[in-house]
ModelCIF file with pLDDT and N, C-alpha, C, O atoms, coordinates in Angstrom:
data_MODEL
#
_entry.id   MODEL 
#
_entity.id                         1 
_entity.type                       polymer 
_entity.pdbx_number_of_molecules   1 
#
_entity_poly.entity_id                      1 
_entity_poly.type                           'polypeptide(L)' 
_entity_poly.nstd_linkage                   no 
_entity_poly.nstd_monomer                   no 
_entity_poly.pdbx_seq_one_letter_code       
;(UNK)(UNK)(UNK)(UNK)(UNK)(UNK)(UNK)(UNK)(UNK)(UNK)(UNK)(UNK)(UNK)(UNK)(UNK)(UNK)
(UNK)(UNK)(UNK)(UNK)(UNK)(UNK)(UNK)(UNK)(UNK)(UNK)(UNK)(UNK)(UNK)(UNK)(UNK)
;
_entity_poly.pdbx_seq_one_letter_code_can   XXXXXXXXXXXXXXXXXXXXXXXXXXXXXXX 
_entity_poly.pdbx_strand_id                 A 
#
loop_
_entity_poly_seq.entity_id 
_entity_poly_seq.num 
_entity_poly_seq.mon_id 
_entity_poly_seq.hetero 
1 1  UNK n 
1 2  UNK n 
1 3  UNK n 
1 4  UNK n 
1 5  UNK n 
1 6  UNK n 
1 7  UNK n 
1 8  UNK n 
1 9  UNK n 
1 10 UNK n 
1 11 UNK n 
1 12 UNK n 
1 13 UNK n 
1 14 UNK n 
1 15 UNK n 
1 16 UNK n 
1 17 UNK n 
1 18 UNK n 
1 19 UNK n 
1 20 UNK n 
1 21 UNK n 
1 22 UNK n 
1 23 UNK n 
1 24 UNK n 
1 25 UNK n 
1 26 UNK n 
1 27 UNK n 
1 28 UNK n 
1 29 UNK n 
1 30 UNK n 
1 31 UNK n 
#
_struct_asym.id          A 
_struct_asym.entity_id   1 
#
loop_
_ma_qa_metric.id 
_ma_qa_metric.mode 
_ma_qa_metric.name 
_ma_qa_metric.software_group_id 
_ma_qa_metric.type 
1 global pLDDT . pLDDT 
2 local  pLDDT . pLDDT 
#
_ma_qa_metric_global.metric_id      1 
_ma_qa_metric_global.metric_value   96.19 
_ma_qa_metric_global.model_id       1 
_ma_qa_metric_global.ordinal_id     1 
#
loop_
_ma_qa_metric_local.label_asym_id 
_ma_qa_metric_local.label_comp_id 
_ma_qa_metric_local.label_seq_id 
_ma_qa_metric_local.metric_id 
_ma_qa_metric_local.metric_value 
_ma_qa_metric_local.model_id 
_ma_qa_metric_local.ordinal_id 
A UNK 1  2 86.00 1 1  
A UNK 2  2 91.00 1 2  
A UNK 3  2 95.00 1 3  
A UNK 4  2 97.00 1 4  
A UNK 5  2 97.00 1 5  
A UNK 6  2 98.00 1 6  
A UNK 7  2 98.00 1 7  
A UNK 8  2 98.00 1 8  
A UNK 9  2 98.00 1 9  
A UNK 10 2 98.00 1 10 
A UNK 11 2 97.00 1 11 
A UNK 12 2 96.00 1 12 
A UNK 13 2 96.00 1 13 
A UNK 14 2 98.00 1 14 
A UNK 15 2 98.00 1 15 
A UNK 16 2 98.00 1 16 
A UNK 17 2 98.00 1 17 
A UNK 18 2 98.00 1 18 
A UNK 19 2 98.00 1 19 
A UNK 20 2 98.00 1 20 
A UNK 21 2 97.00 1 21 
A UNK 22 2 96.00 1 22 
A UNK 23 2 94.00 1 23 
A UNK 24 2 92.00 1 24 
A UNK 25 2 93.00 1 25 
A UNK 26 2 95.00 1 26 
A UNK 27 2 96.00 1 27 
A UNK 28 2 95.00 1 28 
A UNK 29 2 97.00 1 29 
A UNK 30 2 98.00 1 30 
A UNK 31 2 98.00 1 31 
#
loop_
_atom_site.group_PDB 
_atom_site.id 
_atom_site.type_symbol 
_atom_site.label_atom_id 
_atom_site.label_alt_id 
_atom_site.label_comp_id 
_atom_site.label_asym_id 
_atom_site.label_entity_id 
_atom_site.label_seq_id 
_atom_site.pdbx_PDB_ins_code 
_atom_site.Cartn_x 
_atom_site.Cartn_y 
_atom_site.Cartn_z 
_atom_site.occupancy 
_atom_site.B_iso_or_equiv 
_atom_site.pdbx_formal_charge 
_atom_site.auth_seq_id 
_atom_site.auth_comp_id 
_atom_site.auth_asym_id 
_atom_site.auth_atom_id 
_atom_site.pdbx_PDB_model_num 
ATOM 1   N N  . UNK A 1 1  ? 65.857 -94.485 -60.357 1.00 86.00 ? 1  UNK A N  1 
ATOM 2   C CA . UNK A 1 1  ? 66.788 -95.177 -59.714 1.00 86.00 ? 1  UNK A CA 1 
ATOM 3   C C  . UNK A 1 1  ? 67.810 -94.838 -58.308 1.00 86.00 ? 1  UNK A C  1 
ATOM 4   O O  . UNK A 1 1  ? 68.756 -95.499 -57.878 1.00 86.00 ? 1  UNK A O  1 
ATOM 5   N N  . UNK A 1 2  ? 67.289 -93.705 -57.859 1.00 91.00 ? 2  UNK A N  1 
ATOM 6   C CA . UNK A 1 2  ? 67.909 -93.322 -56.082 1.00 91.00 ? 2  UNK A CA 1 
ATOM 7   C C  . UNK A 1 2  ? 67.712 -94.428 -55.264 1.00 91.00 ? 2  UNK A C  1 
ATOM 8   O O  . UNK A 1 2  ? 66.764 -95.212 -55.308 1.00 91.00 ? 2  UNK A O  1 
ATOM 9   N N  . UNK A 1 3  ? 68.655 -94.441 -54.526 1.00 95.00 ? 3  UNK A N  1 
ATOM 10  C CA . UNK A 1 3  ? 68.070 -95.458 -53.479 1.00 95.00 ? 3  UNK A CA 1 
ATOM 11  C C  . UNK A 1 3  ? 69.045 -94.861 -52.625 1.00 95.00 ? 3  UNK A C  1 
ATOM 12  O O  . UNK A 1 3  ? 70.233 -94.630 -52.848 1.00 95.00 ? 3  UNK A O  1 
ATOM 13  N N  . UNK A 1 4  ? 68.187 -94.599 -51.373 1.00 97.00 ? 4  UNK A N  1 
ATOM 14  C CA . UNK A 1 4  ? 68.558 -94.236 -49.714 1.00 97.00 ? 4  UNK A CA 1 
ATOM 15  C C  . UNK A 1 4  ? 68.254 -95.064 -48.714 1.00 97.00 ? 4  UNK A C  1 
ATOM 16  O O  . UNK A 1 4  ? 67.118 -95.311 -48.311 1.00 97.00 ? 4  UNK A O  1 
ATOM 17  N N  . UNK A 1 5  ? 69.661 -95.667 -48.149 1.00 97.00 ? 5  UNK A N  1 
ATOM 18  C CA . UNK A 1 5  ? 69.644 -95.710 -46.597 1.00 97.00 ? 5  UNK A CA 1 
ATOM 19  C C  . UNK A 1 5  ? 69.774 -95.051 -45.779 1.00 97.00 ? 5  UNK A C  1 
ATOM 20  O O  . UNK A 1 5  ? 70.491 -94.062 -45.927 1.00 97.00 ? 5  UNK A O  1 
ATOM 21  N N  . UNK A 1 6  ? 68.951 -95.384 -44.199 1.00 98.00 ? 6  UNK A N  1 
ATOM 22  C CA . UNK A 1 6  ? 69.594 -94.535 -43.273 1.00 98.00 ? 6  UNK A CA 1 
ATOM 23  C C  . UNK A 1 6  ? 69.627 -95.218 -42.178 1.00 98.00 ? 6  UNK A C  1 
ATOM 24  O O  . UNK A 1 6  ? 68.648 -95.862 -41.800 1.00 98.00 ? 6  UNK A O  1 
ATOM 25  N N  . UNK A 1 7  ? 70.826 -95.169 -41.478 1.00 98.00 ? 7  UNK A N  1 
ATOM 26  C CA . UNK A 1 7  ? 70.957 -95.783 -40.158 1.00 98.00 ? 7  UNK A CA 1 
ATOM 27  C C  . UNK A 1 7  ? 70.645 -94.814 -38.665 1.00 98.00 ? 7  UNK A C  1 
ATOM 28  O O  . UNK A 1 7  ? 70.990 -93.635 -38.581 1.00 98.00 ? 7  UNK A O  1 
ATOM 29  N N  . UNK A 1 8  ? 70.191 -95.294 -37.953 1.00 98.00 ? 8  UNK A N  1 
ATOM 30  C CA . UNK A 1 8  ? 69.903 -94.968 -36.731 1.00 98.00 ? 8  UNK A CA 1 
ATOM 31  C C  . UNK A 1 8  ? 70.116 -95.390 -35.258 1.00 98.00 ? 8  UNK A C  1 
ATOM 32  O O  . UNK A 1 8  ? 69.706 -96.451 -34.786 1.00 98.00 ? 8  UNK A O  1 
ATOM 33  N N  . UNK A 1 9  ? 70.909 -94.296 -34.484 1.00 98.00 ? 9  UNK A N  1 
ATOM 34  C CA . UNK A 1 9  ? 71.306 -95.040 -33.121 1.00 98.00 ? 9  UNK A CA 1 
ATOM 35  C C  . UNK A 1 9  ? 70.708 -94.010 -31.863 1.00 98.00 ? 9  UNK A C  1 
ATOM 36  O O  . UNK A 1 9  ? 70.970 -92.819 -31.698 1.00 98.00 ? 9  UNK A O  1 
ATOM 37  N N  . UNK A 1 10 ? 69.676 -95.037 -30.913 1.00 98.00 ? 10 UNK A N  1 
ATOM 38  C CA . UNK A 1 10 ? 69.027 -94.029 -30.383 1.00 98.00 ? 10 UNK A CA 1 
ATOM 39  C C  . UNK A 1 10 ? 69.338 -94.559 -29.077 1.00 98.00 ? 10 UNK A C  1 
ATOM 40  O O  . UNK A 1 10 ? 69.447 -95.759 -28.825 1.00 98.00 ? 10 UNK A O  1 
ATOM 41  N N  . UNK A 1 11 ? 69.505 -93.400 -28.076 1.00 97.00 ? 11 UNK A N  1 
ATOM 42  C CA . UNK A 1 11 ? 69.663 -93.537 -26.280 1.00 97.00 ? 11 UNK A CA 1 
ATOM 43  C C  . UNK A 1 11 ? 68.868 -92.546 -25.923 1.00 97.00 ? 11 UNK A C  1 
ATOM 44  O O  . UNK A 1 11 ? 68.723 -91.358 -26.210 1.00 97.00 ? 11 UNK A O  1 
ATOM 45  N N  . UNK A 1 12 ? 68.299 -93.479 -25.091 1.00 96.00 ? 12 UNK A N  1 
ATOM 46  C CA . UNK A 1 12 ? 66.759 -92.399 -24.266 1.00 96.00 ? 12 UNK A CA 1 
ATOM 47  C C  . UNK A 1 12 ? 66.155 -91.818 -25.164 1.00 96.00 ? 12 UNK A C  1 
ATOM 48  O O  . UNK A 1 12 ? 66.080 -90.637 -24.824 1.00 96.00 ? 12 UNK A O  1 
ATOM 49  N N  . UNK A 1 13 ? 65.687 -91.968 -26.104 1.00 96.00 ? 13 UNK A N  1 
ATOM 50  C CA . UNK A 1 13 ? 64.694 -91.322 -27.487 1.00 96.00 ? 13 UNK A CA 1 
ATOM 51  C C  . UNK A 1 13 ? 65.154 -90.026 -28.066 1.00 96.00 ? 13 UNK A C  1 
ATOM 52  O O  . UNK A 1 13 ? 64.420 -89.109 -28.434 1.00 96.00 ? 13 UNK A O  1 
ATOM 53  N N  . UNK A 1 14 ? 66.662 -90.063 -28.110 1.00 98.00 ? 14 UNK A N  1 
ATOM 54  C CA . UNK A 1 14 ? 67.410 -89.293 -28.921 1.00 98.00 ? 14 UNK A CA 1 
ATOM 55  C C  . UNK A 1 14 ? 67.870 -89.619 -29.638 1.00 98.00 ? 14 UNK A C  1 
ATOM 56  O O  . UNK A 1 14 ? 68.453 -90.663 -29.346 1.00 98.00 ? 14 UNK A O  1 
ATOM 57  N N  . UNK A 1 15 ? 68.089 -89.129 -31.217 1.00 98.00 ? 15 UNK A N  1 
ATOM 58  C CA . UNK A 1 15 ? 68.689 -89.711 -32.394 1.00 98.00 ? 15 UNK A CA 1 
ATOM 59  C C  . UNK A 1 15 ? 69.981 -89.289 -31.994 1.00 98.00 ? 15 UNK A C  1 
ATOM 60  O O  . UNK A 1 15 ? 70.120 -88.068 -32.062 1.00 98.00 ? 15 UNK A O  1 
ATOM 61  N N  . UNK A 1 16 ? 71.440 -90.223 -31.411 1.00 98.00 ? 16 UNK A N  1 
ATOM 62  C CA . UNK A 1 16 ? 72.441 -89.833 -31.317 1.00 98.00 ? 16 UNK A CA 1 
ATOM 63  C C  . UNK A 1 16 ? 73.645 -89.849 -32.603 1.00 98.00 ? 16 UNK A C  1 
ATOM 64  O O  . UNK A 1 16 ? 74.727 -89.268 -32.691 1.00 98.00 ? 16 UNK A O  1 
ATOM 65  N N  . UNK A 1 17 ? 72.978 -90.717 -33.465 1.00 98.00 ? 17 UNK A N  1 
ATOM 66  C CA . UNK A 1 17 ? 74.058 -90.883 -34.370 1.00 98.00 ? 17 UNK A CA 1 
ATOM 67  C C  . UNK A 1 17 ? 72.554 -91.229 -35.837 1.00 98.00 ? 17 UNK A C  1 
ATOM 68  O O  . UNK A 1 17 ? 71.395 -91.595 -35.637 1.00 98.00 ? 17 UNK A O  1 
ATOM 69  N N  . UNK A 1 18 ? 73.235 -90.925 -37.148 1.00 98.00 ? 18 UNK A N  1 
ATOM 70  C CA . UNK A 1 18 ? 72.553 -90.980 -38.122 1.00 98.00 ? 18 UNK A CA 1 
ATOM 71  C C  . UNK A 1 18 ? 73.206 -90.848 -39.229 1.00 98.00 ? 18 UNK A C  1 
ATOM 72  O O  . UNK A 1 18 ? 73.808 -89.787 -39.392 1.00 98.00 ? 18 UNK A O  1 
ATOM 73  N N  . UNK A 1 19 ? 73.261 -91.840 -40.238 1.00 98.00 ? 19 UNK A N  1 
ATOM 74  C CA . UNK A 1 19 ? 74.319 -91.982 -41.340 1.00 98.00 ? 19 UNK A CA 1 
ATOM 75  C C  . UNK A 1 19 ? 73.084 -92.658 -42.398 1.00 98.00 ? 19 UNK A C  1 
ATOM 76  O O  . UNK A 1 19 ? 72.003 -93.228 -42.254 1.00 98.00 ? 19 UNK A O  1 
ATOM 77  N N  . UNK A 1 20 ? 74.011 -92.188 -43.598 1.00 98.00 ? 20 UNK A N  1 
ATOM 78  C CA . UNK A 1 20 ? 73.204 -92.667 -45.099 1.00 98.00 ? 20 UNK A CA 1 
ATOM 79  C C  . UNK A 1 20 ? 73.629 -93.155 -45.754 1.00 98.00 ? 20 UNK A C  1 
ATOM 80  O O  . UNK A 1 20 ? 74.798 -92.770 -45.750 1.00 98.00 ? 20 UNK A O  1 
ATOM 81  N N  . UNK A 1 21 ? 73.474 -94.012 -46.596 1.00 97.00 ? 21 UNK A N  1 
ATOM 82  C CA . UNK A 1 21 ? 74.061 -94.017 -48.192 1.00 97.00 ? 21 UNK A CA 1 
ATOM 83  C C  . UNK A 1 21 ? 73.364 -94.276 -49.064 1.00 97.00 ? 21 UNK A C  1 
ATOM 84  O O  . UNK A 1 21 ? 72.462 -95.104 -49.191 1.00 97.00 ? 21 UNK A O  1 
ATOM 85  N N  . UNK A 1 22 ? 74.052 -93.086 -50.103 1.00 96.00 ? 22 UNK A N  1 
ATOM 86  C CA . UNK A 1 22 ? 72.863 -93.012 -50.736 1.00 96.00 ? 22 UNK A CA 1 
ATOM 87  C C  . UNK A 1 22 ? 73.483 -92.788 -52.729 1.00 96.00 ? 22 UNK A C  1 
ATOM 88  O O  . UNK A 1 22 ? 74.235 -91.863 -53.035 1.00 96.00 ? 22 UNK A O  1 
ATOM 89  N N  . UNK A 1 23 ? 72.999 -93.749 -53.705 1.00 94.00 ? 23 UNK A N  1 
ATOM 90  C CA . UNK A 1 23 ? 72.793 -93.952 -54.666 1.00 94.00 ? 23 UNK A CA 1 
ATOM 91  C C  . UNK A 1 23 ? 72.178 -93.539 -55.425 1.00 94.00 ? 23 UNK A C  1 
ATOM 92  O O  . UNK A 1 23 ? 71.089 -94.077 -55.629 1.00 94.00 ? 23 UNK A O  1 
ATOM 93  N N  . UNK A 1 24 ? 72.604 -92.313 -56.258 1.00 92.00 ? 24 UNK A N  1 
ATOM 94  C CA . UNK A 1 24 ? 71.895 -90.985 -56.647 1.00 92.00 ? 24 UNK A CA 1 
ATOM 95  C C  . UNK A 1 24 ? 72.119 -89.794 -57.397 1.00 92.00 ? 24 UNK A C  1 
ATOM 96  O O  . UNK A 1 24 ? 73.017 -89.759 -58.239 1.00 92.00 ? 24 UNK A O  1 
ATOM 97  N N  . UNK A 1 25 ? 71.754 -89.308 -57.283 1.00 93.00 ? 25 UNK A N  1 
ATOM 98  C CA . UNK A 1 25 ? 71.921 -88.048 -58.316 1.00 93.00 ? 25 UNK A CA 1 
ATOM 99  C C  . UNK A 1 25 ? 72.141 -86.803 -57.031 1.00 93.00 ? 25 UNK A C  1 
ATOM 100 O O  . UNK A 1 25 ? 71.730 -87.010 -55.889 1.00 93.00 ? 25 UNK A O  1 
ATOM 101 N N  . UNK A 1 26 ? 72.743 -85.705 -57.370 1.00 95.00 ? 26 UNK A N  1 
ATOM 102 C CA . UNK A 1 26 ? 72.944 -84.710 -56.988 1.00 95.00 ? 26 UNK A CA 1 
ATOM 103 C C  . UNK A 1 26 ? 72.081 -84.480 -55.872 1.00 95.00 ? 26 UNK A C  1 
ATOM 104 O O  . UNK A 1 26 ? 72.487 -84.793 -54.753 1.00 95.00 ? 26 UNK A O  1 
ATOM 105 N N  . UNK A 1 27 ? 70.762 -83.894 -56.044 1.00 96.00 ? 27 UNK A N  1 
ATOM 106 C CA . UNK A 1 27 ? 69.797 -83.875 -55.314 1.00 96.00 ? 27 UNK A CA 1 
ATOM 107 C C  . UNK A 1 27 ? 69.569 -84.941 -54.118 1.00 96.00 ? 27 UNK A C  1 
ATOM 108 O O  . UNK A 1 27 ? 69.307 -84.609 -52.962 1.00 96.00 ? 27 UNK A O  1 
ATOM 109 N N  . UNK A 1 28 ? 69.685 -86.046 -54.497 1.00 95.00 ? 28 UNK A N  1 
ATOM 110 C CA . UNK A 1 28 ? 69.182 -87.151 -53.768 1.00 95.00 ? 28 UNK A CA 1 
ATOM 111 C C  . UNK A 1 28 ? 70.500 -87.136 -52.632 1.00 95.00 ? 28 UNK A C  1 
ATOM 112 O O  . UNK A 1 28 ? 70.100 -86.969 -51.479 1.00 95.00 ? 28 UNK A O  1 
ATOM 113 N N  . UNK A 1 29 ? 71.883 -87.271 -52.758 1.00 97.00 ? 29 UNK A N  1 
ATOM 114 C CA . UNK A 1 29 ? 72.414 -87.253 -52.064 1.00 97.00 ? 29 UNK A CA 1 
ATOM 115 C C  . UNK A 1 29 ? 72.708 -86.156 -50.712 1.00 97.00 ? 29 UNK A C  1 
ATOM 116 O O  . UNK A 1 29 ? 73.074 -86.329 -49.549 1.00 97.00 ? 29 UNK A O  1 
ATOM 117 N N  . UNK A 1 30 ? 72.291 -84.795 -51.647 1.00 98.00 ? 30 UNK A N  1 
ATOM 118 C CA . UNK A 1 30 ? 72.109 -83.443 -51.041 1.00 98.00 ? 30 UNK A CA 1 
ATOM 119 C C  . UNK A 1 30 ? 70.687 -83.650 -49.885 1.00 98.00 ? 30 UNK A C  1 
ATOM 120 O O  . UNK A 1 30 ? 70.680 -83.249 -48.722 1.00 98.00 ? 30 UNK A O  1 
ATOM 121 N N  . UNK A 1 31 ? 69.745 -84.258 -50.472 1.00 98.00 ? 31 UNK A N  1 
ATOM 122 C CA . UNK A 1 31 ? 68.679 -84.139 -49.761 1.00 98.00 ? 31 UNK A CA 1 
ATOM 123 C C  . UNK A 1 31 ? 68.772 -85.295 -48.316 1.00 98.00 ? 31 UNK A C  1 
ATOM 124 O O  . UNK A 1 31 ? 67.849 -85.342 -47.503 1.00 98.00 ? 31 UNK A O  1 
#
């Protein structure tokens, strides 16, 4: 039942911002 979403912003080839939204257990959120 774990679901992970990752959102990235890239500027000149560099990941400048990364956010996540996870529905899951402690290990899923920590990962």
